[in-house]
């Protein structure tokens, strides 16, 4: 079951990261700026974030086997529709459908694995789940670049068809039947307010990056924040709330939803901004850019065998603080990069970025459940997965927003400075380096003994 869940992670990561490499080609075919293709990435991530609470109820209501299998089928068929999309609007719509499949796929499988894992085995189980999922981003930039350059970007989605078919067969064999509760009620007001709020916030950020849309963007952002505040107020007094916010009383879990949210947001913007800077800013071809982006994920994989022992030796707090601070440094170095840099130097910086990305991601993913009681695990899993996907969506949206703001400030609405096409991307990397410091500050206030039941350190 753990391998099956990891395989679905593989499909999601492969799809998203490879698409980032193909954005210039997609933009060229549809006649839009490369950065504007981020709407197709954002629509997927937003739908996932909005669908996770609903998927948690579906799994409780109809059983994980049925929901998990349907999710794989929806994701796979939507991939085919994405490959056949004639316009950017159609691609964005089918990516949203694909996102709904993703919202049901990974969280439901993760919950099944977490429920059967003792606390002292949680660190090992988490590492086991993350390992195969990290393989996809290593392959994705190279595969995406090669497919885009030698075939077409459509093949990025077509490769999901055999993977999805194999995962569906495995799900029908491995996931146990039953587990549904026909009496399970859905908090419709909480769901409506949450989904509307998430969508409005991301749409607002998207509109703020377009000239002449500041008023609408600000209005959408304000409406989204108001809807999310109303959702929290409703769920705190609802009899059967969509989210049980009492789990936020657990200090380690709360930290992963504050500083961890900032951490995930910033690292999620890198796979979006980096291919654009290398292709649109440096003038590289997709294969060369894909090879360089793969350096980030080579660092991910390379450090993975040492992550568990590092956490056991040092504890969660020093690891989280160090990973976030070091990540900020690598982002700052990316802001200083130029086309004249030797490839080996930029590759080394990106490998280091991947190393600290992997350490921080694994630590946050594990410590968040360290002190959560088993009866609170479904609520914790739903809240965490929703915020993780929202952070990924906002990472792409914030990255695009920073690039557009920088380009507009330099007096070039087309998205690049005439004198230095990479300048807007450098400004964006410097900004996310500064944002990452918020995660450093949040982790610094964790208790020294945080998560010792999971890490084994005393």
Protein backbone atom coordinates (compact mmCIF):
# COMPACT_ATOMS: atom_id res chain seq x y z
CA UNK A 1 0.00 0.00 0.00
CA UNK A 2 2.86 2.38 0.82
CA UNK A 3 4.45 1.69 -2.57
CA UNK A 4 1.12 2.33 -4.29
CA UNK A 5 0.70 5.69 -2.56
CA UNK A 6 4.29 6.53 -3.47
CA UNK A 7 3.49 5.69 -7.10
CA UNK A 8 0.64 8.19 -7.11
CA UNK A 9 3.06 10.78 -5.70
CA UNK A 10 5.31 9.87 -8.62
CA UNK A 11 2.58 10.65 -11.16
CA UNK A 12 1.74 13.98 -9.55
CA UNK A 13 5.33 15.18 -9.26
CA UNK A 14 6.23 13.98 -12.74
CA UNK A 15 3.29 15.86 -14.23
CA UNK A 16 3.80 19.15 -12.41
CA UNK A 17 7.58 19.44 -12.71
CA UNK A 18 7.73 18.40 -16.36
CA UNK A 19 5.02 20.94 -17.21
CA UNK A 20 7.15 23.73 -15.72
CA UNK A 21 9.93 22.89 -18.20
CA UNK A 22 7.46 23.03 -21.10
CA UNK A 23 5.88 26.41 -20.27
CA UNK A 24 7.74 28.40 -22.94
CA UNK A 25 6.69 25.87 -25.61
CA UNK A 26 3.07 25.88 -24.41
CA UNK A 27 3.04 29.67 -24.33
CA UNK A 28 4.43 29.82 -27.86
CA UNK A 29 1.77 27.41 -29.19
CA UNK A 30 -1.10 29.25 -27.52
CA UNK A 31 0.28 32.75 -28.19
CA UNK A 32 0.77 33.86 -24.57
CA UNK A 33 3.74 34.83 -22.39
CA UNK A 34 5.49 31.84 -20.75
CA UNK A 35 4.74 33.13 -17.23
CA UNK A 36 1.01 33.24 -18.08
CA UNK A 37 0.97 29.45 -18.49
CA UNK A 38 1.21 29.30 -14.70
CA UNK A 39 -2.61 29.52 -14.69
CA UNK A 40 -2.69 25.89 -15.87
CA UNK A 41 -0.42 24.87 -12.99
CA UNK A 42 -2.30 26.99 -10.47
CA UNK A 43 -5.72 25.66 -11.50
CA UNK A 44 -4.54 22.12 -10.76
CA UNK A 45 -3.09 22.99 -7.36
CA UNK A 46 -6.10 25.09 -6.34
CA UNK A 47 -8.52 22.30 -7.24
CA UNK A 48 -6.44 19.87 -5.21
CA UNK A 49 -6.48 22.21 -2.20
CA UNK A 50 -10.23 22.73 -2.51
CA UNK A 51 -10.97 19.05 -3.09
CA UNK A 52 -8.98 17.52 -0.22
CA UNK A 53 -11.58 18.30 2.50
CA UNK A 54 -14.29 16.81 0.29
CA UNK A 55 -12.14 13.76 -0.46
CA UNK A 56 -11.63 13.14 3.26
CA UNK A 57 -15.41 12.97 3.70
CA UNK A 58 -15.80 10.77 0.61
CA UNK A 59 -13.27 8.28 2.00
CA UNK A 60 -15.11 8.12 5.32
CA UNK A 61 -18.49 7.88 3.60
CA UNK A 62 -17.80 5.39 0.77
CA UNK A 63 -14.58 3.71 1.89
CA UNK A 64 -10.98 4.36 0.79
CA UNK A 65 -10.83 1.60 -1.85
CA UNK A 66 -13.67 2.98 -3.96
CA UNK A 67 -12.58 6.62 -3.63
CA UNK A 68 -8.91 5.86 -4.29
CA UNK A 69 -9.69 3.83 -7.42
CA UNK A 70 -12.05 6.47 -8.84
CA UNK A 71 -9.44 9.14 -8.15
CA UNK A 72 -6.79 7.31 -10.17
CA UNK A 73 -9.23 6.87 -13.06
CA UNK A 74 -10.20 10.58 -13.04
CA UNK A 75 -6.55 11.68 -12.90
CA UNK A 76 -5.60 9.42 -15.81
CA UNK A 77 -8.52 10.35 -18.08
CA UNK A 78 -8.00 14.06 -17.36
CA UNK A 79 -4.35 13.64 -18.40
CA UNK A 80 -5.54 12.45 -21.81
CA UNK A 81 -7.87 15.45 -22.06
CA UNK A 82 -5.00 17.81 -21.18
CA UNK A 83 -2.89 16.33 -24.00
CA UNK A 84 -5.71 17.00 -26.48
CA UNK A 85 -6.39 20.59 -25.31
CA UNK A 86 -6.68 23.07 -28.23
CA UNK A 87 -6.33 26.25 -26.12
CA UNK A 88 -4.81 27.45 -22.85
CA UNK A 89 -8.32 27.81 -21.44
CA UNK A 90 -9.13 24.17 -22.22
CA UNK A 91 -5.80 23.03 -20.75
CA UNK A 92 -6.53 25.01 -17.59
CA UNK A 93 -10.01 23.47 -17.28
CA UNK A 94 -8.79 19.90 -17.76
CA UNK A 95 -5.95 20.51 -15.31
CA UNK A 96 -8.63 21.47 -12.78
CA UNK A 97 -10.39 18.14 -13.38
CA UNK A 98 -7.06 16.39 -13.03
CA UNK A 99 -6.59 18.25 -9.74
CA UNK A 100 -9.84 16.88 -8.37
CA UNK A 101 -8.52 13.39 -9.07
CA UNK A 102 -5.28 14.29 -7.31
CA UNK A 103 -7.22 15.64 -4.33
CA UNK A 104 -8.82 12.22 -3.82
CA UNK A 105 -5.77 10.16 -4.74
CA UNK A 106 -2.78 10.96 -2.51
CA UNK A 107 -4.43 12.12 0.77
CA UNK A 108 -6.74 9.09 0.95
CA UNK A 109 -3.86 6.69 0.39
CA UNK A 110 -1.68 8.53 2.90
CA UNK A 111 -4.37 8.33 5.57
CA UNK A 112 -4.66 4.56 5.15
CA UNK A 113 -0.90 4.17 5.65
CA UNK A 114 -0.72 6.58 8.62
CA UNK A 115 -3.53 4.87 10.49
CA UNK A 116 -1.63 1.59 10.48
CA UNK A 117 1.77 2.99 11.52
CA UNK A 118 2.95 3.13 15.19
CA UNK A 119 4.55 6.41 16.33
CA UNK A 120 8.01 4.90 16.72
CA UNK A 121 7.86 3.70 13.09
CA UNK A 122 6.47 6.96 11.67
CA UNK A 123 9.86 8.41 10.70
CA UNK A 124 10.76 5.24 8.79
CA UNK A 125 7.33 5.00 7.14
CA UNK A 126 7.45 8.65 6.06
CA UNK A 127 10.89 8.19 4.50
CA UNK A 128 9.60 5.09 2.71
CA UNK A 129 6.67 7.03 1.28
CA UNK A 130 8.74 10.02 0.19
CA UNK A 131 11.56 8.07 -1.53
CA UNK A 132 9.79 7.03 -4.76
CA UNK A 133 7.94 10.33 -4.99
CA UNK A 134 11.26 12.19 -5.07
CA UNK A 135 12.42 10.12 -8.03
CA UNK A 136 9.88 11.75 -10.35
CA UNK A 137 11.25 15.31 -9.99
CA UNK A 138 14.74 14.01 -10.82
CA UNK A 139 13.47 12.55 -14.08
CA UNK A 140 10.80 15.15 -14.87
CA UNK A 141 12.95 18.11 -16.00
CA UNK A 142 15.00 15.89 -18.31
CA UNK A 143 11.98 13.95 -19.57
CA UNK A 144 9.90 17.13 -19.96
CA UNK A 145 12.68 18.95 -21.78
CA UNK A 146 13.37 16.02 -24.12
CA UNK A 147 9.68 15.38 -24.87
CA UNK A 148 9.06 19.08 -25.51
CA UNK A 149 12.07 19.55 -27.76
CA UNK A 150 11.96 16.30 -29.74
CA UNK A 151 8.22 15.45 -29.72
CA UNK A 152 5.79 17.94 -28.16
CA UNK A 153 4.58 19.09 -24.73
CA UNK A 154 1.45 16.92 -25.16
CA UNK A 155 3.50 13.82 -24.33
CA UNK A 156 4.05 15.11 -20.79
CA UNK A 157 0.43 14.16 -20.13
CA UNK A 158 0.32 11.06 -22.31
CA UNK A 159 2.97 9.30 -20.18
CA UNK A 160 0.42 9.26 -17.34
CA UNK A 161 -1.80 6.81 -19.23
CA UNK A 162 0.24 3.62 -18.66
CA UNK A 163 1.20 4.74 -15.14
CA UNK A 164 -2.43 5.40 -14.23
CA UNK A 165 -3.61 2.07 -15.65
CA UNK A 166 -1.01 0.17 -13.61
CA UNK A 167 -1.88 2.11 -10.43
CA UNK A 168 -5.60 1.39 -10.89
CA UNK A 169 -4.98 -2.35 -11.18
CA UNK A 170 -2.78 -2.26 -8.07
CA UNK A 171 -5.38 -0.27 -6.10
CA UNK A 172 -8.12 -2.77 -6.86
CA UNK A 173 -5.86 -5.55 -5.60
CA UNK A 174 -4.20 -3.91 -2.57
CA UNK A 175 -6.63 -1.49 -0.93
CA UNK A 176 -8.97 -3.36 1.43
CA UNK A 177 -12.72 -3.25 0.90
CA UNK A 178 -15.15 -1.65 3.29
CA UNK A 179 -14.49 1.08 5.80
CA UNK A 180 -17.39 3.29 4.66
CA UNK A 181 -19.80 4.95 7.05
CA UNK A 182 -23.17 5.69 5.37
CA UNK A 183 -24.17 7.93 8.28
CA UNK A 184 -21.18 10.22 7.83
CA UNK A 185 -22.45 13.81 7.35
CA UNK A 186 -20.73 16.52 5.33
CA UNK A 187 -20.31 20.06 6.65
CA UNK A 188 -21.64 21.79 3.54
CA UNK A 189 -21.33 25.40 4.84
CA UNK A 190 -17.75 24.74 5.96
CA UNK A 191 -16.90 23.14 2.62
CA UNK A 192 -18.47 25.96 0.60
CA UNK A 193 -16.72 28.72 2.57
CA UNK A 194 -13.36 26.93 2.48
CA UNK A 195 -13.37 26.17 -1.24
CA UNK A 196 -14.61 29.65 -2.15
CA UNK A 197 -11.97 31.24 0.08
CA UNK A 198 -9.09 29.20 -1.32
CA UNK A 199 -10.12 29.87 -4.91
CA UNK A 200 -10.61 33.60 -4.35
CA UNK A 201 -7.20 34.03 -2.67
CA UNK A 202 -5.32 32.35 -5.52
CA UNK A 203 -7.36 34.12 -8.22
CA UNK A 204 -6.73 37.42 -6.45
CA UNK A 205 -2.98 36.85 -6.47
CA UNK A 206 -3.16 35.90 -10.13
CA UNK A 207 -5.06 39.09 -11.04
CA UNK A 208 -2.72 41.31 -9.04
CA UNK A 209 0.07 40.39 -11.44
CA UNK A 210 -1.77 41.79 -14.48
CA UNK A 211 -1.75 45.46 -15.33
CA UNK A 212 -5.18 47.04 -15.02
CA UNK A 213 -6.52 44.27 -12.78
CA UNK A 214 -5.34 45.60 -9.40
CA UNK A 215 -8.87 46.52 -8.27
CA UNK A 216 -10.35 43.13 -9.14
CA UNK A 217 -7.34 41.32 -7.74
CA UNK A 218 -7.53 43.18 -4.44
CA UNK A 219 -11.28 42.56 -4.22
CA UNK A 220 -10.88 38.82 -4.87
CA UNK A 221 -8.08 38.56 -2.31
CA UNK A 222 -10.12 40.39 0.33
CA UNK A 223 -13.18 38.24 -0.40
CA UNK A 224 -11.09 35.08 -0.11
CA UNK A 225 -9.63 36.08 3.24
CA UNK A 226 -13.11 36.97 4.51
CA UNK A 227 -14.52 33.61 3.35
CA UNK A 228 -11.72 31.69 5.07
CA UNK A 229 -12.25 33.66 8.27
CA UNK A 230 -15.98 32.89 8.11
CA UNK A 231 -15.16 29.21 7.51
CA UNK A 232 -13.00 29.07 10.64
CA UNK A 233 -15.69 30.81 12.69
CA UNK A 234 -18.35 28.39 11.44
CA UNK A 235 -16.30 25.24 12.00
CA UNK A 236 -15.37 26.24 15.55
CA UNK A 237 -19.05 26.01 16.55
CA UNK A 238 -20.38 23.41 14.09
CA UNK A 239 -21.53 20.07 15.50
CA UNK A 240 -19.72 18.04 12.81
CA UNK A 241 -17.14 20.46 11.37
CA UNK A 242 -15.23 19.93 8.16
CA UNK A 243 -11.98 20.46 10.13
CA UNK A 244 -11.46 19.85 13.85
CA UNK A 245 -9.26 22.83 14.69
CA UNK A 246 -8.61 21.58 18.21
CA UNK A 247 -5.71 19.60 16.72
CA UNK A 248 -3.93 22.95 16.22
CA UNK A 249 -3.49 22.98 19.98
CA UNK A 250 -0.65 20.49 19.45
CA UNK A 251 2.46 22.70 19.26
CA UNK A 252 4.45 20.61 16.77
CA UNK A 253 1.46 20.23 14.46
CA UNK A 254 0.68 23.95 14.62
CA UNK A 255 4.29 24.85 13.73
CA UNK A 256 4.13 22.75 10.59
CA UNK A 257 1.06 24.66 9.48
CA UNK A 258 2.65 28.11 10.03
CA UNK A 259 6.40 28.05 9.39
CA UNK A 260 5.92 24.86 7.40
CA UNK A 261 3.39 26.63 5.17
CA UNK A 262 5.90 29.40 4.42
CA UNK A 263 8.62 26.83 3.78
CA UNK A 264 6.53 24.85 1.31
CA UNK A 265 5.31 28.00 -0.43
CA UNK A 266 8.84 29.22 -1.14
CA UNK A 267 10.31 25.89 -2.23
CA UNK A 268 7.27 25.31 -4.47
CA UNK A 269 8.00 28.51 -6.38
CA UNK A 270 11.50 27.36 -7.41
CA UNK A 271 10.53 24.62 -9.94
CA UNK A 272 8.22 27.21 -11.54
CA UNK A 273 10.65 30.17 -11.65
CA UNK A 274 13.90 28.36 -12.41
CA UNK A 275 13.00 26.90 -15.86
CA UNK A 276 11.59 30.29 -16.87
CA UNK A 277 14.76 32.13 -15.80
CA UNK A 278 17.00 29.67 -17.63
CA UNK A 279 14.96 29.69 -20.87
CA UNK A 280 13.34 33.14 -21.00
CA UNK A 281 16.12 34.95 -19.09
CA UNK A 282 19.29 33.09 -20.08
CA UNK A 283 18.10 31.97 -23.54
CA UNK A 284 18.73 28.25 -22.93
CA UNK A 285 16.94 25.46 -24.81
CA UNK A 286 14.49 23.17 -22.93
CA UNK A 287 16.91 20.22 -22.69
CA UNK A 288 19.74 22.27 -21.19
CA UNK A 289 17.32 23.99 -18.81
CA UNK A 290 15.76 20.66 -17.87
CA UNK A 291 19.17 19.19 -17.10
CA UNK A 292 19.98 22.12 -14.81
CA UNK A 293 16.60 22.02 -13.03
CA UNK A 294 17.18 18.31 -12.39
CA UNK A 295 20.11 19.34 -10.16
CA UNK A 296 17.62 20.43 -7.49
CA UNK A 297 16.07 17.01 -7.40
CA UNK A 298 19.42 15.22 -7.60
CA UNK A 299 20.13 16.94 -4.28
CA UNK A 300 16.75 15.72 -3.03
CA UNK A 301 17.58 12.10 -3.74
CA UNK A 302 21.25 12.29 -2.80
CA UNK A 303 20.63 13.38 0.79
CA UNK A 304 17.60 11.19 1.38
CA UNK A 305 19.45 8.16 2.86
CA UNK A 306 21.01 10.46 5.49
CA UNK A 307 17.86 12.41 6.39
CA UNK A 308 16.52 9.97 8.99
CA UNK A 309 19.84 9.58 10.80
CA UNK A 310 20.36 13.37 10.70
CA UNK A 311 17.01 13.96 12.40
CA UNK A 312 17.71 11.25 15.00
CA UNK A 313 21.13 12.74 15.76
CA UNK A 314 20.24 16.45 15.92
CA UNK A 315 16.48 16.51 16.60
CA UNK A 316 13.76 18.26 14.66
CA UNK A 317 14.30 21.87 15.79
CA UNK A 318 17.95 22.29 14.66
CA UNK A 319 17.20 20.47 11.40
CA UNK A 320 14.21 22.68 10.57
CA UNK A 321 16.02 25.93 11.41
CA UNK A 322 19.15 24.92 9.50
CA UNK A 323 17.29 23.66 6.42
CA UNK A 324 15.21 26.84 6.07
CA UNK A 325 18.20 29.17 6.62
CA UNK A 326 20.37 27.27 4.14
CA UNK A 327 17.54 27.23 1.58
CA UNK A 328 17.29 31.03 1.84
CA UNK A 329 21.02 31.28 1.08
CA UNK A 330 20.68 29.12 -2.05
CA UNK A 331 17.78 31.27 -3.27
CA UNK A 332 19.91 34.38 -2.78
CA UNK A 333 22.68 32.76 -4.83
CA UNK A 334 20.17 32.05 -7.62
CA UNK A 335 19.33 35.76 -7.57
CA UNK A 336 23.00 36.49 -8.27
CA UNK A 337 23.33 33.95 -11.11
CA UNK A 338 24.12 35.14 -14.64
CA UNK A 339 24.44 33.38 -18.03
CA UNK A 340 28.21 33.80 -17.67
CA UNK A 341 28.35 31.53 -14.63
CA UNK A 342 29.98 28.14 -15.33
CA UNK A 343 27.37 25.42 -15.58
CA UNK A 344 29.16 23.45 -12.87
CA UNK A 345 28.84 26.33 -10.39
CA UNK A 346 25.10 26.82 -10.97
CA UNK A 347 24.60 23.04 -10.88
CA UNK A 348 26.36 22.88 -7.47
CA UNK A 349 24.17 25.68 -6.07
CA UNK A 350 21.01 23.91 -7.23
CA UNK A 351 22.16 20.55 -5.84
CA UNK A 352 22.69 22.24 -2.47
CA UNK A 353 19.25 23.81 -2.74
CA UNK A 354 17.79 20.35 -3.36
CA UNK A 355 19.63 18.90 -0.37
CA UNK A 356 18.18 21.43 2.08
CA UNK A 357 14.78 21.24 0.37
CA UNK A 358 14.68 17.48 0.97
CA UNK A 359 15.85 17.72 4.60
CA UNK A 360 13.28 20.38 5.49
CA UNK A 361 10.45 18.71 3.60
CA UNK A 362 11.06 15.33 5.28
CA UNK A 363 11.38 16.89 8.73
CA UNK A 364 8.16 18.89 8.42
CA UNK A 365 6.26 15.94 6.97
CA UNK A 366 7.28 13.71 9.89
CA UNK A 367 7.17 16.01 12.90
CA UNK A 368 3.67 17.27 12.12
CA UNK A 369 2.13 13.97 13.28
CA UNK A 370 4.61 13.31 16.09
CA UNK A 371 2.31 14.38 18.93
CA UNK A 372 -1.10 13.90 17.29
CA UNK A 373 -3.35 11.31 18.94
CA UNK A 374 -4.70 8.51 16.69
CA UNK A 375 -8.32 9.70 16.99
CA UNK A 376 -7.27 13.14 15.70
CA UNK A 377 -5.27 11.79 12.77
CA UNK A 378 -8.05 12.16 10.13
CA UNK A 379 -8.55 15.86 10.98
CA UNK A 380 -4.80 16.47 11.13
CA UNK A 381 -4.28 14.73 7.79
CA UNK A 382 -7.08 16.73 6.12
CA UNK A 383 -5.84 20.08 7.47
CA UNK A 384 -2.22 19.31 6.60
CA UNK A 385 -2.90 18.10 3.06
CA UNK A 386 -5.15 21.08 2.34
CA UNK A 387 -2.51 23.56 3.49
CA UNK A 388 0.27 21.68 1.69
CA UNK A 389 -1.58 21.90 -1.61
CA UNK A 390 -2.55 25.51 -0.96
CA UNK A 391 1.11 26.32 -0.28
CA UNK A 392 2.08 24.69 -3.57
CA UNK A 393 -0.61 26.65 -5.42
CA UNK A 394 0.38 29.92 -3.79
CA UNK A 395 4.05 29.18 -4.46
CA UNK A 396 3.35 29.17 -8.20
CA UNK A 397 1.01 32.17 -7.97
CA UNK A 398 3.41 34.19 -5.79
CA UNK A 399 6.34 33.31 -8.07
CA UNK A 400 4.44 34.54 -11.14
CA UNK A 401 3.30 37.65 -9.24
CA UNK A 402 6.86 38.55 -8.21
CA UNK A 403 8.15 38.10 -11.77
CA UNK A 404 5.39 40.30 -13.22
CA UNK A 405 5.80 43.01 -10.57
CA UNK A 406 9.55 43.11 -11.18
CA UNK A 407 9.07 43.26 -14.95
CA UNK A 408 6.51 46.05 -14.67
CA UNK A 409 8.74 48.00 -12.30
CA UNK A 410 11.50 47.80 -14.90
CA UNK A 411 9.16 49.29 -17.50
CA UNK A 412 8.64 46.21 -19.68
CA UNK A 413 5.11 44.81 -19.60
CA UNK A 414 6.13 41.89 -21.82
CA UNK A 415 7.79 40.28 -18.84
CA UNK A 416 11.51 40.99 -19.19
CA UNK A 417 13.94 43.87 -19.06
CA UNK A 418 15.30 44.69 -22.51
CA UNK A 419 18.80 45.18 -21.12
CA UNK A 420 18.78 42.06 -18.94
CA UNK A 421 15.99 39.51 -19.62
CA UNK A 422 16.84 37.61 -16.41
CA UNK A 423 16.52 40.65 -14.12
CA UNK A 424 12.84 40.10 -13.10
CA UNK A 425 13.65 36.51 -12.16
CA UNK A 426 16.58 37.61 -10.01
CA UNK A 427 14.31 39.98 -8.12
CA UNK A 428 11.80 37.16 -7.59
CA UNK A 429 14.49 34.81 -6.21
CA UNK A 430 15.73 37.52 -3.83
CA UNK A 431 12.15 38.03 -2.61
CA UNK A 432 11.52 34.36 -1.84
CA UNK A 433 14.86 34.21 -0.01
CA UNK A 434 13.55 36.95 2.28
CA UNK A 435 10.18 35.20 2.69
CA UNK A 436 11.94 31.98 3.74
CA UNK A 437 13.37 33.79 6.77
CA UNK A 438 9.86 33.78 8.26
CA UNK A 439 10.06 29.98 8.40
CA UNK A 440 13.44 30.20 10.13
CA UNK A 441 11.99 32.49 12.80
CA UNK A 442 8.95 30.25 13.37
CA UNK A 443 11.01 27.07 13.79
CA UNK A 444 13.36 28.84 16.19
CA UNK A 445 10.51 29.04 18.73
CA UNK A 446 9.88 25.27 18.74
CA UNK A 447 10.71 23.48 22.02
CA UNK A 448 14.11 21.77 21.95
CA UNK A 449 12.47 18.38 22.63
CA UNK A 450 9.87 18.70 19.84
CA UNK A 451 9.05 15.36 18.24
CA UNK A 452 11.37 13.21 20.36
CA UNK A 453 8.86 10.33 20.39
CA UNK A 454 9.31 10.06 16.65
CA UNK A 455 12.99 11.05 16.27
CA UNK A 456 14.16 8.84 19.14
CA UNK A 457 16.57 11.58 20.32
CA UNK A 458 16.73 12.31 24.05
